[in-house]
Amino acid sequence: MSDLSWVPQSCTLPTEEQPLRVAEWDALFAERLQALSRPQPLHLRLDLADGDGVEAQIQDLAERESGCCSFFTFTITSRKDLIHLDISVGQAHEAVLDALAARTAAGQQR
């Protein structure tokens, strides 16, 4: 799923850097994703396996993503051996969250 047409125009990350950022998220999800759920249409929850430095890595990625895509709200919560990454958006960006969920689910099935 290399097509980045789902990335909204409101994203301020330079176009040439977008594939690199997506690859960072993809690598994190490929290595750590345990479960994915959609509690509400505007809310995605990812359960990631914890490990040495993983929470800091997630925090770093979330902060950088918020810097270019301010429509995302990230909440990180540690629970035992899992880190919950909750991602929410406003109504105008539901399609972006849909694409992110589909991309993450596709990676989970590999």
N, C-alpha and C. Protein backbone atom coordinates (compact mmCIF):
# COMPACT_ATOMS: atom_id res chain seq x y z
N MET A 1 0.85 -1.18 0.00
CA MET A 1 0.00 0.00 0.00
C MET A 1 0.89 1.24 0.00
N SER A 2 1.58 1.47 -1.12
CA SER A 2 2.54 2.56 -1.18
C SER A 2 1.91 3.87 -1.64
N ASP A 3 0.69 3.84 -2.11
CA ASP A 3 0.01 5.04 -2.55
C ASP A 3 -0.29 5.93 -1.35
N LEU A 4 0.17 7.16 -1.40
CA LEU A 4 -0.04 8.09 -0.29
C LEU A 4 -1.11 9.13 -0.63
N SER A 5 -2.00 8.81 -1.55
CA SER A 5 -3.04 9.76 -1.93
C SER A 5 -3.98 10.08 -0.77
N TRP A 6 -4.01 9.24 0.25
CA TRP A 6 -4.87 9.46 1.41
C TRP A 6 -4.31 10.54 2.34
N VAL A 7 -3.03 10.91 2.17
CA VAL A 7 -2.43 11.95 3.01
C VAL A 7 -3.10 13.28 2.64
N PRO A 8 -3.71 13.96 3.60
CA PRO A 8 -4.45 15.18 3.28
C PRO A 8 -3.54 16.35 2.90
N GLN A 9 -4.08 17.27 2.13
CA GLN A 9 -3.33 18.45 1.74
C GLN A 9 -2.97 19.31 2.95
N SER A 10 -3.71 19.18 4.03
CA SER A 10 -3.42 19.97 5.23
C SER A 10 -2.16 19.50 5.95
N CYS A 11 -1.61 18.36 5.55
CA CYS A 11 -0.36 17.87 6.14
C CYS A 11 0.77 18.79 5.69
N THR A 12 1.53 19.32 6.64
CA THR A 12 2.60 20.26 6.30
C THR A 12 3.97 19.59 6.17
N LEU A 13 4.03 18.27 6.33
CA LEU A 13 5.29 17.56 6.13
C LEU A 13 5.62 17.63 4.64
N PRO A 14 6.85 18.02 4.29
CA PRO A 14 7.20 18.10 2.87
C PRO A 14 6.92 16.76 2.16
N THR A 15 6.41 16.85 0.96
CA THR A 15 5.99 15.68 0.19
C THR A 15 7.07 14.62 0.12
N GLU A 16 8.32 15.02 -0.07
CA GLU A 16 9.41 14.05 -0.20
C GLU A 16 9.70 13.32 1.12
N GLU A 17 9.28 13.89 2.25
CA GLU A 17 9.49 13.24 3.54
C GLU A 17 8.34 12.34 3.96
N GLN A 18 7.20 12.47 3.31
CA GLN A 18 6.02 11.68 3.70
C GLN A 18 6.25 10.17 3.63
N PRO A 19 6.85 9.64 2.55
CA PRO A 19 7.08 8.18 2.53
C PRO A 19 7.99 7.70 3.66
N LEU A 20 8.93 8.52 4.07
CA LEU A 20 9.83 8.15 5.17
C LEU A 20 9.07 8.07 6.49
N ARG A 21 8.18 9.02 6.73
CA ARG A 21 7.38 9.01 7.96
C ARG A 21 6.44 7.82 7.97
N VAL A 22 5.79 7.58 6.84
CA VAL A 22 4.88 6.43 6.75
C VAL A 22 5.66 5.14 7.01
N ALA A 23 6.87 5.05 6.49
CA ALA A 23 7.70 3.86 6.71
C ALA A 23 8.05 3.68 8.18
N GLU A 24 8.26 4.79 8.90
CA GLU A 24 8.52 4.69 10.34
C GLU A 24 7.32 4.09 11.08
N TRP A 25 6.13 4.59 10.75
CA TRP A 25 4.91 4.05 11.37
C TRP A 25 4.72 2.59 10.98
N ASP A 26 4.91 2.28 9.69
CA ASP A 26 4.74 0.90 9.22
C ASP A 26 5.67 -0.05 9.96
N ALA A 27 6.92 0.36 10.15
CA ALA A 27 7.89 -0.49 10.84
C ALA A 27 7.48 -0.72 12.30
N LEU A 28 7.02 0.34 12.96
CA LEU A 28 6.56 0.21 14.34
C LEU A 28 5.39 -0.76 14.41
N PHE A 29 4.42 -0.59 13.53
CA PHE A 29 3.24 -1.45 13.55
C PHE A 29 3.60 -2.89 13.19
N ALA A 30 4.48 -3.08 12.22
CA ALA A 30 4.87 -4.44 11.82
C ALA A 30 5.53 -5.18 12.97
N GLU A 31 6.31 -4.46 13.74
CA GLU A 31 7.06 -5.08 14.84
C GLU A 31 6.24 -5.20 16.12
N ARG A 32 5.35 -4.25 16.40
CA ARG A 32 4.74 -4.15 17.72
C ARG A 32 3.23 -4.29 17.80
N LEU A 33 2.52 -4.19 16.69
CA LEU A 33 1.06 -4.18 16.75
C LEU A 33 0.51 -5.51 17.23
N GLN A 34 -0.31 -5.46 18.26
CA GLN A 34 -0.97 -6.64 18.82
C GLN A 34 -2.45 -6.67 18.47
N ALA A 35 -3.08 -5.51 18.47
CA ALA A 35 -4.52 -5.45 18.19
C ALA A 35 -4.88 -4.05 17.69
N LEU A 36 -5.95 -4.01 16.94
CA LEU A 36 -6.47 -2.76 16.39
C LEU A 36 -7.98 -2.78 16.61
N SER A 37 -8.51 -1.65 17.08
CA SER A 37 -9.97 -1.55 17.24
C SER A 37 -10.42 -0.15 16.88
N ARG A 38 -11.68 -0.02 16.61
CA ARG A 38 -12.28 1.25 16.23
C ARG A 38 -13.45 1.51 17.16
N PRO A 39 -13.19 1.99 18.40
CA PRO A 39 -14.26 2.20 19.38
C PRO A 39 -15.35 3.16 18.91
N GLN A 40 -14.96 4.12 18.08
CA GLN A 40 -15.89 5.11 17.53
C GLN A 40 -15.39 5.48 16.14
N PRO A 41 -16.23 6.02 15.28
CA PRO A 41 -15.81 6.36 13.93
C PRO A 41 -14.61 7.32 13.86
N LEU A 42 -14.47 8.17 14.86
CA LEU A 42 -13.39 9.16 14.84
C LEU A 42 -12.26 8.78 15.81
N HIS A 43 -12.21 7.51 16.21
CA HIS A 43 -11.25 7.05 17.21
C HIS A 43 -10.71 5.68 16.82
N LEU A 44 -9.40 5.58 16.72
CA LEU A 44 -8.71 4.33 16.42
C LEU A 44 -7.84 3.99 17.62
N ARG A 45 -7.87 2.73 18.05
CA ARG A 45 -7.01 2.30 19.16
C ARG A 45 -6.09 1.20 18.65
N LEU A 46 -4.80 1.40 18.89
CA LEU A 46 -3.79 0.41 18.54
C LEU A 46 -3.14 -0.07 19.82
N ASP A 47 -3.08 -1.38 20.00
CA ASP A 47 -2.38 -1.97 21.14
C ASP A 47 -1.04 -2.46 20.63
N LEU A 48 0.02 -1.92 21.21
CA LEU A 48 1.38 -2.23 20.78
C LEU A 48 2.13 -2.92 21.90
N ALA A 49 2.91 -3.93 21.54
CA ALA A 49 3.72 -4.63 22.53
C ALA A 49 4.78 -3.67 23.06
N ASP A 50 4.90 -3.63 24.38
CA ASP A 50 5.90 -2.77 25.01
C ASP A 50 7.28 -3.43 24.90
N GLY A 51 8.28 -2.66 25.13
CA GLY A 51 9.66 -3.14 25.10
C GLY A 51 10.58 -1.98 25.41
N ASP A 52 11.84 -2.26 25.45
CA ASP A 52 12.82 -1.24 25.78
C ASP A 52 12.79 -0.09 24.77
N GLY A 53 12.43 1.09 25.23
CA GLY A 53 12.42 2.29 24.40
C GLY A 53 11.21 2.45 23.49
N VAL A 54 10.28 1.51 23.53
CA VAL A 54 9.14 1.56 22.62
C VAL A 54 8.22 2.75 22.92
N GLU A 55 7.92 2.98 24.19
CA GLU A 55 7.04 4.10 24.52
C GLU A 55 7.65 5.42 24.08
N ALA A 56 8.95 5.58 24.26
CA ALA A 56 9.63 6.81 23.82
C ALA A 56 9.58 6.94 22.30
N GLN A 57 9.73 5.83 21.60
CA GLN A 57 9.64 5.84 20.14
C GLN A 57 8.25 6.27 19.68
N ILE A 58 7.22 5.73 20.32
CA ILE A 58 5.85 6.08 19.98
C ILE A 58 5.60 7.56 20.28
N GLN A 59 6.07 8.01 21.43
CA GLN A 59 5.89 9.42 21.82
C GLN A 59 6.56 10.34 20.80
N ASP A 60 7.77 9.99 20.39
CA ASP A 60 8.50 10.79 19.41
C ASP A 60 7.75 10.86 18.08
N LEU A 61 7.30 9.72 17.59
CA LEU A 61 6.56 9.70 16.33
C LEU A 61 5.26 10.50 16.44
N ALA A 62 4.55 10.33 17.54
CA ALA A 62 3.29 11.05 17.73
C ALA A 62 3.52 12.56 17.78
N GLU A 63 4.57 12.98 18.46
CA GLU A 63 4.86 14.42 18.54
C GLU A 63 5.21 14.98 17.17
N ARG A 64 6.04 14.26 16.42
CA ARG A 64 6.40 14.74 15.08
C ARG A 64 5.18 14.76 14.16
N GLU A 65 4.33 13.75 14.28
CA GLU A 65 3.13 13.69 13.45
C GLU A 65 2.18 14.84 13.79
N SER A 66 2.04 15.14 15.06
CA SER A 66 1.19 16.26 15.48
C SER A 66 1.72 17.58 14.96
N GLY A 67 3.03 17.66 14.78
CA GLY A 67 3.64 18.88 14.27
C GLY A 67 3.28 19.19 12.83
N CYS A 68 3.03 18.16 12.04
CA CYS A 68 2.71 18.40 10.63
C CYS A 68 1.23 18.14 10.32
N CYS A 69 0.60 17.34 11.14
CA CYS A 69 -0.82 17.00 10.94
C CYS A 69 -1.55 17.27 12.25
N SER A 70 -1.80 18.54 12.49
CA SER A 70 -2.36 18.95 13.79
C SER A 70 -3.78 18.46 14.02
N PHE A 71 -4.40 17.89 13.01
CA PHE A 71 -5.77 17.37 13.17
C PHE A 71 -5.79 16.05 13.94
N PHE A 72 -4.63 15.40 14.10
CA PHE A 72 -4.55 14.17 14.89
C PHE A 72 -4.42 14.50 16.37
N THR A 73 -5.10 13.73 17.20
CA THR A 73 -4.89 13.78 18.65
C THR A 73 -4.41 12.39 19.05
N PHE A 74 -3.23 12.33 19.66
CA PHE A 74 -2.64 11.07 20.09
C PHE A 74 -2.67 11.00 21.61
N THR A 75 -3.08 9.86 22.13
CA THR A 75 -3.03 9.60 23.57
C THR A 75 -2.32 8.27 23.75
N ILE A 76 -1.27 8.29 24.57
CA ILE A 76 -0.46 7.10 24.80
C ILE A 76 -0.64 6.68 26.25
N THR A 77 -1.02 5.42 26.46
CA THR A 77 -1.25 4.89 27.80
C THR A 77 -0.56 3.54 27.92
N SER A 78 0.25 3.40 28.97
CA SER A 78 0.93 2.12 29.22
C SER A 78 0.09 1.26 30.13
N ARG A 79 -0.02 -0.02 29.79
CA ARG A 79 -0.75 -1.01 30.59
C ARG A 79 0.05 -2.31 30.54
N LYS A 80 0.60 -2.72 31.66
CA LYS A 80 1.38 -3.96 31.74
C LYS A 80 2.35 -4.06 30.58
N ASP A 81 2.18 -5.05 29.71
CA ASP A 81 3.10 -5.25 28.59
C ASP A 81 2.62 -4.61 27.29
N LEU A 82 1.58 -3.78 27.39
CA LEU A 82 1.02 -3.14 26.20
C LEU A 82 1.06 -1.63 26.32
N ILE A 83 1.14 -1.01 25.17
CA ILE A 83 0.99 0.44 25.08
C ILE A 83 -0.22 0.68 24.19
N HIS A 84 -1.20 1.41 24.71
CA HIS A 84 -2.37 1.78 23.92
C HIS A 84 -2.04 3.11 23.24
N LEU A 85 -2.17 3.14 21.93
CA LEU A 85 -2.04 4.37 21.17
C LEU A 85 -3.42 4.69 20.62
N ASP A 86 -4.05 5.70 21.21
CA ASP A 86 -5.36 6.15 20.76
C ASP A 86 -5.16 7.33 19.83
N ILE A 87 -5.78 7.23 18.67
CA ILE A 87 -5.68 8.28 17.65
C ILE A 87 -7.09 8.75 17.34
N SER A 88 -7.31 10.05 17.47
CA SER A 88 -8.63 10.58 17.14
C SER A 88 -8.48 11.79 16.22
N VAL A 89 -9.54 12.03 15.48
CA VAL A 89 -9.58 13.14 14.52
C VAL A 89 -10.96 13.78 14.58
N GLY A 90 -11.07 14.96 14.01
CA GLY A 90 -12.36 15.61 13.85
C GLY A 90 -13.08 15.04 12.63
N GLN A 91 -14.35 15.34 12.52
CA GLN A 91 -15.19 14.82 11.44
C GLN A 91 -14.58 15.05 10.05
N ALA A 92 -13.96 16.19 9.84
CA ALA A 92 -13.41 16.52 8.53
C ALA A 92 -12.29 15.59 8.10
N HIS A 93 -11.69 14.87 9.04
CA HIS A 93 -10.55 13.99 8.72
C HIS A 93 -10.85 12.51 8.96
N GLU A 94 -12.13 12.17 8.98
CA GLU A 94 -12.50 10.76 9.19
C GLU A 94 -11.92 9.86 8.10
N ALA A 95 -11.89 10.34 6.86
CA ALA A 95 -11.35 9.53 5.76
C ALA A 95 -9.87 9.23 5.97
N VAL A 96 -9.14 10.16 6.57
CA VAL A 96 -7.72 9.94 6.85
C VAL A 96 -7.58 8.83 7.89
N LEU A 97 -8.41 8.87 8.92
CA LEU A 97 -8.37 7.83 9.95
C LEU A 97 -8.78 6.48 9.36
N ASP A 98 -9.76 6.49 8.45
CA ASP A 98 -10.15 5.26 7.76
C ASP A 98 -8.97 4.67 7.00
N ALA A 99 -8.25 5.51 6.28
CA ALA A 99 -7.09 5.05 5.51
C ALA A 99 -5.99 4.53 6.42
N LEU A 100 -5.76 5.22 7.52
CA LEU A 100 -4.75 4.77 8.48
C LEU A 100 -5.14 3.42 9.07
N ALA A 101 -6.40 3.25 9.42
CA ALA A 101 -6.87 1.98 9.97
C ALA A 101 -6.72 0.86 8.94
N ALA A 102 -7.08 1.13 7.69
CA ALA A 102 -6.97 0.12 6.64
C ALA A 102 -5.51 -0.26 6.40
N ARG A 103 -4.64 0.73 6.38
CA ARG A 103 -3.22 0.48 6.16
C ARG A 103 -2.65 -0.35 7.31
N THR A 104 -3.01 0.01 8.53
CA THR A 104 -2.51 -0.71 9.70
C THR A 104 -3.05 -2.14 9.73
N ALA A 105 -4.33 -2.31 9.42
CA ALA A 105 -4.92 -3.66 9.39
C ALA A 105 -4.28 -4.52 8.31
N ALA A 106 -3.98 -3.93 7.16
CA ALA A 106 -3.33 -4.68 6.08
C ALA A 106 -1.95 -5.16 6.52
N GLY A 107 -1.23 -4.32 7.24
CA GLY A 107 0.08 -4.70 7.75
C GLY A 107 -0.02 -5.78 8.80
N GLN A 108 -1.09 -5.76 9.57
CA GLN A 108 -1.30 -6.75 10.63
C GLN A 108 -1.54 -8.14 10.03
N GLN A 109 -2.11 -8.19 8.85
CA GLN A 109 -2.44 -9.46 8.22
C GLN A 109 -1.24 -10.12 7.54
N ARG A 110 -0.14 -9.41 7.43
CA ARG A 110 1.05 -9.98 6.76
C ARG A 110 1.68 -11.04 7.59
